[in-house]
């Protein structure tokens, strides 16, 4: 079992199981955490700090705003006009041109789609 990820907001500190997290989204100096249960939690941490957390090895920084759980990807589409992943909660997240090759490498190496 992975260690919980401790996150804090103005009220308290929570320990979250990384397997319950679909993605982290940067917004207005905070990070929104989207959980499988549909719950969203705001916390005061940067995506850069989260990228260094040892329990978040299954996560991938897909663009400037999103740090996604690779096991929660439902599908993805890569083409000249638009490239994106669709998460299991239905959220579509764009993949910038500069990240496409890295994303494909990750998909091939880890078989992130379940």
Foldseek 3Di string as FASTA:
>chain_A
DFWFDWFDAPPGIDTHQLVQWFKWFDDDQWIWTQGPVRDIDIGRDAVVVVVPDPRQPQWDCQDRTMIGRLLQFAAWDDDDPFTWTQGVVRDTDGHDPVCVVVVVVCCVVPVSHD
